[in-house]
Amino acid sequence: MLNGRGEEMIVDLQAVCEIIEKHGYQKASLIGILQDIQAKMNYLPRKALVQVAKSLDIPLTHIYEVATFYKAFSLEPKGRHTIQVCLGTACHVRGGARVLNYLENRLDVKSGETTQNLSFTLENVNCLGACALGPMMVIDKKYYGKINPKKIESILEKYQ
């Protein structure tokens, strides 16, 4: 896997082995192991999945089935910060799509992508549960309501 500068990303296989050991080399702990790897590395690198397959004696294809079934897992590097823009009905009618479009242009990525410098991953979601405050945006689980381009700029400054 290459980072945003075209350099190969280093995978800490020792950390992967420690995670597997913490779970007692139990096949039944596969999801927990993957969650811990994702939490540590911000995605599931192929080298880490190969190590899990070897250590647990599970076919690599099975691990990929699990890793691709759950939306919480990512096989691609994620940004240090995740930005979610609500496109639910209430946010949409209040300008959610314009907010997403602004962020796509500002960050030079499409929804579902990560910036080249791995600072941000941009996602759209169907509802954030705060309809009265739409349009809504969440960065790293911190909610921002009634956002507009001017507010977005001041918010992004906090994360750069």
N, C-alpha and C. Protein backbone atom coordinates (compact mmCIF):
# COMPACT_ATOMS: atom_id res chain seq x y z
N MET A 1 0.85 -1.18 0.00
CA MET A 1 0.00 0.00 0.00
C MET A 1 0.88 1.23 0.00
N LEU A 2 0.50 2.21 -0.81
CA LEU A 2 1.25 3.45 -0.91
C LEU A 2 0.53 4.55 -0.15
N ASN A 3 1.28 5.43 0.47
CA ASN A 3 0.65 6.58 1.11
C ASN A 3 0.46 7.68 0.07
N GLY A 4 -0.01 8.84 0.50
CA GLY A 4 -0.31 9.92 -0.42
C GLY A 4 0.90 10.47 -1.15
N ARG A 5 2.10 10.17 -0.69
CA ARG A 5 3.32 10.65 -1.33
C ARG A 5 3.96 9.58 -2.20
N GLY A 6 3.27 8.46 -2.43
CA GLY A 6 3.78 7.41 -3.28
C GLY A 6 4.79 6.51 -2.59
N GLU A 7 4.89 6.62 -1.26
CA GLU A 7 5.82 5.79 -0.49
C GLU A 7 5.05 4.61 0.09
N GLU A 8 5.71 3.46 0.20
CA GLU A 8 5.06 2.30 0.78
C GLU A 8 4.86 2.53 2.28
N MET A 9 3.65 2.23 2.75
CA MET A 9 3.35 2.38 4.16
C MET A 9 3.89 1.17 4.91
N ILE A 10 4.45 1.40 6.08
CA ILE A 10 5.02 0.33 6.88
C ILE A 10 3.95 -0.23 7.79
N VAL A 11 3.83 -1.55 7.82
CA VAL A 11 2.87 -2.23 8.67
C VAL A 11 3.62 -2.84 9.85
N ASP A 12 3.19 -2.51 11.04
CA ASP A 12 3.81 -3.00 12.27
C ASP A 12 3.27 -4.39 12.58
N LEU A 13 3.94 -5.42 12.03
CA LEU A 13 3.48 -6.79 12.23
C LEU A 13 3.64 -7.24 13.68
N GLN A 14 4.58 -6.65 14.40
CA GLN A 14 4.72 -6.98 15.82
C GLN A 14 3.45 -6.56 16.58
N ALA A 15 2.93 -5.39 16.25
CA ALA A 15 1.69 -4.92 16.88
C ALA A 15 0.53 -5.85 16.53
N VAL A 16 0.49 -6.32 15.29
CA VAL A 16 -0.56 -7.26 14.86
C VAL A 16 -0.46 -8.54 15.68
N CYS A 17 0.74 -9.06 15.83
CA CYS A 17 0.94 -10.29 16.62
C CYS A 17 0.53 -10.08 18.08
N GLU A 18 0.81 -8.92 18.63
CA GLU A 18 0.41 -8.62 20.01
C GLU A 18 -1.11 -8.58 20.14
N ILE A 19 -1.77 -8.03 19.16
CA ILE A 19 -3.24 -7.99 19.17
C ILE A 19 -3.80 -9.41 19.11
N ILE A 20 -3.26 -10.22 18.23
CA ILE A 20 -3.73 -11.61 18.10
C ILE A 20 -3.49 -12.36 19.41
N GLU A 21 -2.33 -12.16 20.00
CA GLU A 21 -2.00 -12.82 21.27
C GLU A 21 -2.96 -12.38 22.37
N LYS A 22 -3.27 -11.09 22.40
CA LYS A 22 -4.20 -10.55 23.40
C LYS A 22 -5.55 -11.26 23.34
N HIS A 23 -5.93 -11.66 22.14
CA HIS A 23 -7.20 -12.35 21.94
C HIS A 23 -7.06 -13.88 22.07
N GLY A 24 -5.89 -14.33 22.49
CA GLY A 24 -5.70 -15.75 22.76
C GLY A 24 -5.70 -16.65 21.54
N TYR A 25 -5.35 -16.09 20.39
CA TYR A 25 -5.30 -16.87 19.14
C TYR A 25 -6.61 -17.60 18.86
N GLN A 26 -7.71 -17.00 19.27
CA GLN A 26 -9.03 -17.61 19.10
C GLN A 26 -9.65 -17.20 17.77
N LYS A 27 -10.03 -18.20 16.98
CA LYS A 27 -10.70 -17.92 15.71
C LYS A 27 -11.99 -17.15 15.94
N ALA A 28 -12.67 -17.43 17.04
CA ALA A 28 -13.93 -16.76 17.35
C ALA A 28 -13.73 -15.27 17.64
N SER A 29 -12.50 -14.86 17.85
CA SER A 29 -12.19 -13.45 18.13
C SER A 29 -11.81 -12.67 16.89
N LEU A 30 -12.05 -13.24 15.71
CA LEU A 30 -11.61 -12.58 14.47
C LEU A 30 -12.11 -11.14 14.36
N ILE A 31 -13.39 -10.92 14.61
CA ILE A 31 -13.92 -9.55 14.48
C ILE A 31 -13.24 -8.63 15.49
N GLY A 32 -13.06 -9.06 16.71
CA GLY A 32 -12.38 -8.25 17.71
C GLY A 32 -10.94 -7.95 17.32
N ILE A 33 -10.28 -8.94 16.76
CA ILE A 33 -8.90 -8.75 16.29
C ILE A 33 -8.87 -7.69 15.18
N LEU A 34 -9.78 -7.83 14.21
CA LEU A 34 -9.84 -6.86 13.11
C LEU A 34 -10.17 -5.46 13.63
N GLN A 35 -11.06 -5.38 14.61
CA GLN A 35 -11.40 -4.07 15.18
C GLN A 35 -10.17 -3.43 15.84
N ASP A 36 -9.41 -4.24 16.56
CA ASP A 36 -8.22 -3.71 17.23
C ASP A 36 -7.15 -3.28 16.22
N ILE A 37 -6.99 -4.05 15.15
CA ILE A 37 -6.02 -3.68 14.11
C ILE A 37 -6.45 -2.38 13.45
N GLN A 38 -7.75 -2.27 13.14
CA GLN A 38 -8.27 -1.05 12.52
C GLN A 38 -8.07 0.14 13.45
N ALA A 39 -8.33 -0.03 14.74
CA ALA A 39 -8.16 1.06 15.70
C ALA A 39 -6.69 1.50 15.77
N LYS A 40 -5.79 0.55 15.68
CA LYS A 40 -4.35 0.86 15.79
C LYS A 40 -3.81 1.48 14.51
N MET A 41 -4.24 0.96 13.34
CA MET A 41 -3.63 1.35 12.07
C MET A 41 -4.53 2.22 11.20
N ASN A 42 -5.76 2.40 11.63
CA ASN A 42 -6.73 3.24 10.93
C ASN A 42 -7.26 2.60 9.64
N TYR A 43 -6.89 1.37 9.39
CA TYR A 43 -7.43 0.55 8.30
C TYR A 43 -6.88 -0.85 8.47
N LEU A 44 -7.25 -1.77 7.57
CA LEU A 44 -6.78 -3.14 7.65
C LEU A 44 -5.80 -3.40 6.50
N PRO A 45 -4.51 -3.24 6.76
CA PRO A 45 -3.52 -3.48 5.71
C PRO A 45 -3.48 -4.97 5.31
N ARG A 46 -3.21 -5.23 4.05
CA ARG A 46 -3.14 -6.61 3.55
C ARG A 46 -2.13 -7.43 4.34
N LYS A 47 -0.96 -6.86 4.63
CA LYS A 47 0.07 -7.60 5.38
C LYS A 47 -0.45 -8.02 6.76
N ALA A 48 -1.25 -7.17 7.38
CA ALA A 48 -1.81 -7.51 8.68
C ALA A 48 -2.82 -8.65 8.55
N LEU A 49 -3.64 -8.61 7.50
CA LEU A 49 -4.63 -9.68 7.29
C LEU A 49 -3.95 -11.01 6.99
N VAL A 50 -2.86 -10.98 6.25
CA VAL A 50 -2.09 -12.20 5.97
C VAL A 50 -1.56 -12.77 7.29
N GLN A 51 -1.07 -11.90 8.16
CA GLN A 51 -0.56 -12.35 9.46
C GLN A 51 -1.67 -12.96 10.30
N VAL A 52 -2.84 -12.35 10.29
CA VAL A 52 -3.98 -12.89 11.03
C VAL A 52 -4.34 -14.28 10.49
N ALA A 53 -4.39 -14.41 9.17
CA ALA A 53 -4.71 -15.69 8.54
C ALA A 53 -3.73 -16.78 8.98
N LYS A 54 -2.45 -16.47 8.96
CA LYS A 54 -1.43 -17.44 9.36
C LYS A 54 -1.55 -17.79 10.84
N SER A 55 -1.70 -16.78 11.67
CA SER A 55 -1.72 -16.99 13.12
C SER A 55 -2.95 -17.76 13.58
N LEU A 56 -4.08 -17.53 12.94
CA LEU A 56 -5.32 -18.20 13.36
C LEU A 56 -5.65 -19.42 12.51
N ASP A 57 -4.83 -19.68 11.50
CA ASP A 57 -5.07 -20.79 10.57
C ASP A 57 -6.48 -20.68 9.95
N ILE A 58 -6.75 -19.48 9.43
CA ILE A 58 -8.01 -19.18 8.76
C ILE A 58 -7.66 -18.79 7.33
N PRO A 59 -8.41 -19.27 6.34
CA PRO A 59 -8.12 -18.85 4.96
C PRO A 59 -8.23 -17.33 4.82
N LEU A 60 -7.30 -16.75 4.10
CA LEU A 60 -7.29 -15.31 3.87
C LEU A 60 -8.60 -14.84 3.23
N THR A 61 -9.17 -15.68 2.38
CA THR A 61 -10.44 -15.30 1.74
C THR A 61 -11.55 -15.12 2.77
N HIS A 62 -11.55 -15.93 3.82
CA HIS A 62 -12.56 -15.79 4.88
C HIS A 62 -12.38 -14.46 5.62
N ILE A 63 -11.14 -14.11 5.86
CA ILE A 63 -10.87 -12.84 6.55
C ILE A 63 -11.33 -11.67 5.69
N TYR A 64 -11.09 -11.75 4.39
CA TYR A 64 -11.56 -10.70 3.49
C TYR A 64 -13.08 -10.65 3.44
N GLU A 65 -13.74 -11.81 3.52
CA GLU A 65 -15.21 -11.82 3.55
C GLU A 65 -15.73 -11.04 4.74
N VAL A 66 -15.13 -11.26 5.90
CA VAL A 66 -15.53 -10.55 7.12
C VAL A 66 -15.19 -9.07 7.01
N ALA A 67 -13.99 -8.77 6.56
CA ALA A 67 -13.52 -7.39 6.49
C ALA A 67 -14.32 -6.55 5.49
N THR A 68 -14.83 -7.18 4.44
CA THR A 68 -15.60 -6.42 3.45
C THR A 68 -17.10 -6.43 3.74
N PHE A 69 -17.55 -7.33 4.61
CA PHE A 69 -18.97 -7.38 4.96
C PHE A 69 -19.36 -6.21 5.85
N TYR A 70 -18.53 -5.89 6.82
CA TYR A 70 -18.85 -4.85 7.79
C TYR A 70 -18.33 -3.49 7.32
N LYS A 71 -19.23 -2.51 7.30
CA LYS A 71 -18.89 -1.17 6.85
C LYS A 71 -17.85 -0.50 7.77
N ALA A 72 -17.77 -0.95 9.00
CA ALA A 72 -16.82 -0.35 9.95
C ALA A 72 -15.36 -0.61 9.56
N PHE A 73 -15.14 -1.64 8.74
CA PHE A 73 -13.78 -1.97 8.35
C PHE A 73 -13.42 -1.30 7.03
N SER A 74 -12.15 -0.95 6.90
CA SER A 74 -11.66 -0.35 5.66
C SER A 74 -10.38 -1.03 5.24
N LEU A 75 -10.31 -1.38 3.95
CA LEU A 75 -9.09 -1.97 3.40
C LEU A 75 -8.17 -0.90 2.83
N GLU A 76 -8.63 0.33 2.82
CA GLU A 76 -7.84 1.46 2.33
C GLU A 76 -7.50 2.37 3.51
N PRO A 77 -6.34 3.01 3.47
CA PRO A 77 -5.98 3.92 4.56
C PRO A 77 -7.03 5.03 4.72
N LYS A 78 -7.36 5.31 5.95
CA LYS A 78 -8.30 6.38 6.27
C LYS A 78 -7.51 7.59 6.75
N GLY A 79 -8.14 8.73 6.66
CA GLY A 79 -7.50 9.94 7.14
C GLY A 79 -7.47 9.99 8.66
N ARG A 80 -6.62 10.85 9.20
CA ARG A 80 -6.55 11.03 10.65
C ARG A 80 -7.89 11.49 11.19
N HIS A 81 -8.64 12.21 10.36
CA HIS A 81 -9.95 12.73 10.76
C HIS A 81 -11.00 12.27 9.74
N THR A 82 -12.15 11.86 10.24
CA THR A 82 -13.25 11.46 9.37
C THR A 82 -14.33 12.53 9.42
N ILE A 83 -14.69 13.01 8.25
CA ILE A 83 -15.75 14.01 8.13
C ILE A 83 -16.98 13.31 7.54
N GLN A 84 -18.10 13.41 8.24
CA GLN A 84 -19.35 12.86 7.75
C GLN A 84 -20.32 14.01 7.52
N VAL A 85 -20.94 14.02 6.35
CA VAL A 85 -21.93 15.04 6.01
C VAL A 85 -23.27 14.36 5.88
N CYS A 86 -24.26 14.88 6.57
CA CYS A 86 -25.60 14.29 6.53
C CYS A 86 -26.32 14.70 5.25
N LEU A 87 -26.89 13.70 4.58
CA LEU A 87 -27.70 13.95 3.39
C LEU A 87 -29.12 13.43 3.59
N GLY A 88 -29.51 13.25 4.86
CA GLY A 88 -30.89 12.88 5.16
C GLY A 88 -31.83 13.98 4.70
N THR A 89 -33.12 13.71 4.71
CA THR A 89 -34.10 14.64 4.16
C THR A 89 -33.99 16.04 4.75
N ALA A 90 -33.98 16.15 6.07
CA ALA A 90 -33.95 17.47 6.70
C ALA A 90 -32.66 18.22 6.36
N CYS A 91 -31.55 17.53 6.39
CA CYS A 91 -30.28 18.19 6.05
C CYS A 91 -30.20 18.49 4.56
N HIS A 92 -30.73 17.59 3.76
CA HIS A 92 -30.69 17.80 2.31
C HIS A 92 -31.44 19.07 1.92
N VAL A 93 -32.65 19.26 2.45
CA VAL A 93 -33.42 20.45 2.07
C VAL A 93 -32.81 21.73 2.63
N ARG A 94 -31.95 21.60 3.63
CA ARG A 94 -31.28 22.78 4.21
C ARG A 94 -29.89 22.99 3.64
N GLY A 95 -29.50 22.21 2.63
CA GLY A 95 -28.23 22.47 1.96
C GLY A 95 -27.14 21.44 2.20
N GLY A 96 -27.49 20.26 2.67
CA GLY A 96 -26.49 19.22 2.92
C GLY A 96 -25.67 18.87 1.69
N ALA A 97 -26.32 18.79 0.53
CA ALA A 97 -25.61 18.47 -0.71
C ALA A 97 -24.61 19.57 -1.06
N ARG A 98 -24.98 20.83 -0.81
CA ARG A 98 -24.05 21.94 -1.08
C ARG A 98 -22.84 21.86 -0.14
N VAL A 99 -23.09 21.47 1.11
CA VAL A 99 -21.99 21.32 2.07
C VAL A 99 -21.04 20.23 1.60
N LEU A 100 -21.60 19.09 1.18
CA LEU A 100 -20.76 17.99 0.68
C LEU A 100 -19.98 18.43 -0.54
N ASN A 101 -20.64 19.11 -1.46
CA ASN A 101 -19.97 19.59 -2.67
C ASN A 101 -18.84 20.55 -2.32
N TYR A 102 -19.08 21.45 -1.38
CA TYR A 102 -18.05 22.39 -0.95
C TYR A 102 -16.84 21.65 -0.40
N LEU A 103 -17.09 20.66 0.47
CA LEU A 103 -15.99 19.90 1.06
C LEU A 103 -15.25 19.08 0.01
N GLU A 104 -15.96 18.51 -0.94
CA GLU A 104 -15.30 17.76 -2.01
C GLU A 104 -14.33 18.67 -2.78
N ASN A 105 -14.78 19.86 -3.09
CA ASN A 105 -13.92 20.81 -3.81
C ASN A 105 -12.79 21.32 -2.92
N ARG A 106 -13.09 21.63 -1.69
CA ARG A 106 -12.10 22.18 -0.76
C ARG A 106 -10.99 21.17 -0.46
N LEU A 107 -11.38 19.89 -0.29
CA LEU A 107 -10.40 18.85 0.06
C LEU A 107 -9.85 18.11 -1.15
N ASP A 108 -10.44 18.36 -2.32
CA ASP A 108 -10.04 17.71 -3.57
C ASP A 108 -10.20 16.19 -3.50
N VAL A 109 -11.35 15.76 -2.95
CA VAL A 109 -11.71 14.34 -2.90
C VAL A 109 -13.22 14.22 -3.14
N LYS A 110 -13.65 13.04 -3.49
CA LYS A 110 -15.08 12.73 -3.58
C LYS A 110 -15.48 12.02 -2.29
N SER A 111 -16.77 12.00 -2.02
CA SER A 111 -17.27 11.28 -0.85
C SER A 111 -16.81 9.83 -0.92
N GLY A 112 -16.31 9.32 0.19
CA GLY A 112 -15.79 7.97 0.25
C GLY A 112 -14.28 7.89 0.05
N GLU A 113 -13.66 9.02 -0.23
CA GLU A 113 -12.21 9.05 -0.48
C GLU A 113 -11.46 9.72 0.66
N THR A 114 -10.15 9.56 0.62
CA THR A 114 -9.25 10.14 1.62
C THR A 114 -8.29 11.09 0.92
N THR A 115 -8.00 12.21 1.57
CA THR A 115 -7.07 13.17 0.99
C THR A 115 -5.70 12.54 0.83
N GLN A 116 -4.94 13.03 -0.13
CA GLN A 116 -3.61 12.47 -0.41
C GLN A 116 -2.69 12.49 0.79
N ASN A 117 -2.80 13.51 1.62
CA ASN A 117 -1.92 13.61 2.79
C ASN A 117 -2.45 12.83 3.99
N LEU A 118 -3.52 12.07 3.78
CA LEU A 118 -4.14 11.23 4.82
C LEU A 118 -4.65 12.04 6.01
N SER A 119 -5.01 13.31 5.78
CA SER A 119 -5.55 14.13 6.85
C SER A 119 -7.04 13.87 7.06
N PHE A 120 -7.80 13.75 5.95
CA PHE A 120 -9.25 13.64 6.06
C PHE A 120 -9.80 12.52 5.18
N THR A 121 -10.82 11.85 5.70
CA THR A 121 -11.65 10.95 4.91
C THR A 121 -13.03 11.59 4.91
N LEU A 122 -13.61 11.75 3.73
CA LEU A 122 -14.91 12.39 3.58
C LEU A 122 -15.96 11.33 3.29
N GLU A 123 -17.06 11.37 4.03
CA GLU A 123 -18.15 10.42 3.84
C GLU A 123 -19.48 11.15 3.90
N ASN A 124 -20.48 10.60 3.21
CA ASN A 124 -21.83 11.10 3.40
C ASN A 124 -22.63 10.01 4.11
N VAL A 125 -23.55 10.43 4.95
CA VAL A 125 -24.39 9.51 5.72
C VAL A 125 -25.86 9.90 5.52
N ASN A 126 -26.76 8.98 5.83
CA ASN A 126 -28.18 9.23 5.62
C ASN A 126 -28.84 9.99 6.76
N CYS A 127 -28.32 9.88 7.96
CA CYS A 127 -28.90 10.62 9.08
C CYS A 127 -27.91 10.65 10.23
N LEU A 128 -27.83 11.80 10.87
CA LEU A 128 -26.98 11.94 12.05
C LEU A 128 -27.82 12.14 13.31
N GLY A 129 -29.14 12.16 13.16
CA GLY A 129 -30.03 12.23 14.32
C GLY A 129 -30.15 13.60 14.95
N ALA A 130 -29.86 14.64 14.23
CA ALA A 130 -29.98 16.00 14.76
C ALA A 130 -30.62 16.88 13.69
N CYS A 131 -31.77 16.46 13.21
CA CYS A 131 -32.41 17.08 12.05
C CYS A 131 -32.67 18.56 12.22
N ALA A 132 -33.00 19.00 13.41
CA ALA A 132 -33.32 20.42 13.63
C ALA A 132 -32.10 21.31 13.44
N LEU A 133 -30.91 20.72 13.47
CA LEU A 133 -29.68 21.51 13.36
C LEU A 133 -29.06 21.44 11.97
N GLY A 134 -29.79 20.87 11.01
CA GLY A 134 -29.25 20.69 9.67
C GLY A 134 -28.97 22.00 8.97
N PRO A 135 -28.04 21.97 8.01
CA PRO A 135 -27.25 20.80 7.63
C PRO A 135 -26.20 20.48 8.69
N MET A 136 -25.96 19.18 8.86
CA MET A 136 -25.06 18.67 9.90
C MET A 136 -23.79 18.10 9.30
N MET A 137 -22.73 18.22 10.08
CA MET A 137 -21.44 17.63 9.73
C MET A 137 -20.83 17.11 11.03
N VAL A 138 -20.18 15.97 10.96
CA VAL A 138 -19.50 15.40 12.12
C VAL A 138 -18.04 15.19 11.74
N ILE A 139 -17.15 15.63 12.61
CA ILE A 139 -15.72 15.33 12.44
C ILE A 139 -15.27 14.61 13.70
N ASP A 140 -14.82 13.39 13.52
CA ASP A 140 -14.32 12.58 14.64
C ASP A 140 -15.32 12.57 15.81
N LYS A 141 -16.57 12.35 15.50
CA LYS A 141 -17.66 12.23 16.48
C LYS A 141 -18.04 13.54 17.15
N LYS A 142 -17.51 14.68 16.65
CA LYS A 142 -17.93 15.99 17.17
C LYS A 142 -18.91 16.60 16.17
N TYR A 143 -20.09 16.94 16.65
CA TYR A 143 -21.18 17.42 15.80
C TYR A 143 -21.10 18.93 15.58
N TYR A 144 -21.37 19.32 14.32
CA TYR A 144 -21.44 20.73 13.93
C TYR A 144 -22.74 20.94 13.18
N GLY A 145 -23.57 21.84 13.68
CA GLY A 145 -24.87 22.07 13.06
C GLY A 145 -24.98 23.41 12.38
N LYS A 146 -26.00 23.49 11.52
CA LYS A 146 -26.29 24.72 10.75
C LYS A 146 -25.02 25.24 10.08
N ILE A 147 -24.32 24.34 9.41
CA ILE A 147 -23.04 24.71 8.82
C ILE A 147 -23.20 25.34 7.45
N ASN A 148 -22.20 26.11 7.09
CA ASN A 148 -22.11 26.75 5.78
C ASN A 148 -20.62 26.86 5.46
N PRO A 149 -20.27 27.25 4.23
CA PRO A 149 -18.85 27.31 3.87
C PRO A 149 -17.97 28.12 4.83
N LYS A 150 -18.45 29.23 5.30
CA LYS A 150 -17.65 30.05 6.21
C LYS A 150 -17.37 29.30 7.51
N LYS A 151 -18.40 28.64 8.05
CA LYS A 151 -18.21 27.86 9.27
C LYS A 151 -17.28 26.68 9.02
N ILE A 152 -17.40 26.07 7.85
CA ILE A 152 -16.57 24.91 7.52
C ILE A 152 -15.10 25.29 7.58
N GLU A 153 -14.75 26.44 7.03
CA GLU A 153 -13.35 26.86 7.02
C GLU A 153 -12.80 27.00 8.44
N SER A 154 -13.57 27.64 9.31
CA SER A 154 -13.08 27.81 10.70
C SER A 154 -13.02 26.48 11.43
N ILE A 155 -13.92 25.57 11.11
CA ILE A 155 -13.90 24.24 11.73
C ILE A 155 -12.68 23.45 11.25
N LEU A 156 -12.43 23.46 9.94
CA LEU A 156 -11.30 22.69 9.39
C LEU A 156 -9.96 23.16 9.95
N GLU A 157 -9.86 24.46 10.23
CA GLU A 157 -8.61 25.00 10.79
C GLU A 157 -8.23 24.30 12.08
N LYS A 158 -9.21 23.87 12.86
CA LYS A 158 -8.95 23.19 14.13
C LYS A 158 -8.30 21.82 13.93
N TYR A 159 -8.48 21.25 12.75
CA TYR A 159 -8.03 19.88 12.50
C TYR A 159 -6.79 19.80 11.63
N GLN A 160 -6.26 20.94 11.21
CA GLN A 160 -5.10 20.90 10.32
C GLN A 160 -3.80 21.17 10.99
